[in-house]
């Protein structure tokens, strides 16, 4: 599990990953009234335990806004 403090856009190239999986998003209260966005990914069907939760990323307002701005710019939302 990881708390994402900051999302930065980096220039460079990447490689399309061949593994496909399901990501699930949920929103919950942090305890102080601030929403937290949590994205969980599951293991691929090729893993020893298919569908088992694999990774978790949590975003607060600042990091979610940074991600939103990158998505907005990249995909013309």
Protein backbone atom coordinates (compact mmCIF):
# COMPACT_ATOMS: atom_id res chain seq x y z
CA UNK A 1 0.00 0.00 0.00
CA UNK A 2 1.27 3.48 -0.77
CA UNK A 3 0.16 7.02 -0.03
CA UNK A 4 0.83 9.11 -3.14
CA UNK A 5 2.23 12.46 -2.00
CA UNK A 6 2.85 13.95 -5.41
CA UNK A 7 2.24 13.10 -9.08
CA UNK A 8 4.75 14.53 -11.54
CA UNK A 9 4.61 14.32 -15.32
CA UNK A 10 7.87 12.96 -16.68
CA UNK A 11 9.01 13.13 -20.28
CA UNK A 12 10.20 9.96 -21.91
CA UNK A 13 9.07 6.78 -23.52
CA UNK A 14 7.40 3.71 -22.14
CA UNK A 15 6.35 0.25 -23.15
CA UNK A 16 2.77 -1.00 -23.31
CA UNK A 17 2.39 -3.69 -20.68
CA UNK A 18 1.02 -7.04 -21.91
CA UNK A 19 -0.63 -7.86 -18.57
CA UNK A 20 -4.28 -6.84 -18.25
CA UNK A 21 -5.98 -6.57 -14.87
CA UNK A 22 -8.87 -4.97 -13.04
CA UNK A 23 -8.49 -1.82 -10.96
CA UNK A 24 -11.12 -0.89 -8.39
CA UNK A 25 -11.55 2.63 -7.05
CA UNK A 26 -13.22 3.58 -3.79
CA UNK A 27 -13.61 6.77 -1.83
CA UNK A 28 -13.66 6.94 1.95
CA UNK A 29 -13.35 9.51 4.70
CA UNK A 30 -9.88 10.02 6.14
CA UNK A 31 -11.33 10.63 9.59
CA UNK A 32 -11.00 14.41 9.44
CA UNK A 33 -13.65 14.90 6.75
CA UNK A 34 -11.24 14.80 3.82
CA UNK A 35 -11.98 12.27 1.09
CA UNK A 36 -9.37 9.70 0.12
CA UNK A 37 -9.38 8.03 -3.30
CA UNK A 38 -8.03 4.50 -3.15
CA UNK A 39 -7.22 2.47 -6.26
CA UNK A 40 -6.62 -1.25 -5.80
CA UNK A 41 -5.27 -3.51 -8.52
CA UNK A 42 -5.69 -7.26 -8.70
CA UNK A 43 -3.25 -9.86 -9.86
CA UNK A 44 -3.51 -11.05 -13.44
CA UNK A 45 -5.03 -14.39 -14.37
CA UNK A 46 -1.48 -15.77 -14.78
CA UNK A 47 -0.58 -15.24 -11.11
CA UNK A 48 -0.52 -17.98 -8.50
CA UNK A 49 -3.67 -16.52 -6.92
CA UNK A 50 -5.58 -14.85 -9.80
CA UNK A 51 -7.66 -11.84 -8.81
CA UNK A 52 -5.94 -11.37 -5.44
CA UNK A 53 -5.41 -7.72 -4.49
CA UNK A 54 -1.93 -6.78 -5.60
CA UNK A 55 -1.28 -3.07 -5.12
CA UNK A 56 -3.05 -0.15 -3.46
CA UNK A 57 -2.53 3.55 -4.16
CA UNK A 58 -4.16 6.24 -2.02
CA UNK A 59 -4.62 9.86 -3.14
CA UNK A 60 -5.50 12.92 -1.09
CA UNK A 61 -6.75 16.17 -2.57
CA UNK A 62 -3.36 17.49 -3.74
CA UNK A 63 -2.07 14.35 -5.44
CA UNK A 64 -5.51 13.63 -6.94
CA UNK A 65 -5.59 17.12 -8.43
CA UNK A 66 -2.11 16.63 -9.89
CA UNK A 67 -3.20 13.33 -11.44
CA UNK A 68 -6.41 14.94 -12.73
CA UNK A 69 -4.48 17.74 -14.45
CA UNK A 70 -2.18 15.22 -16.14
CA UNK A 71 -5.17 13.14 -17.30
CA UNK A 72 -6.98 16.27 -18.48
CA UNK A 73 -3.98 17.43 -20.53
CA UNK A 74 -3.15 13.97 -21.91
CA UNK A 75 -6.64 12.92 -22.96
CA UNK A 76 -8.21 16.36 -23.66
CA UNK A 77 -10.89 15.95 -20.98
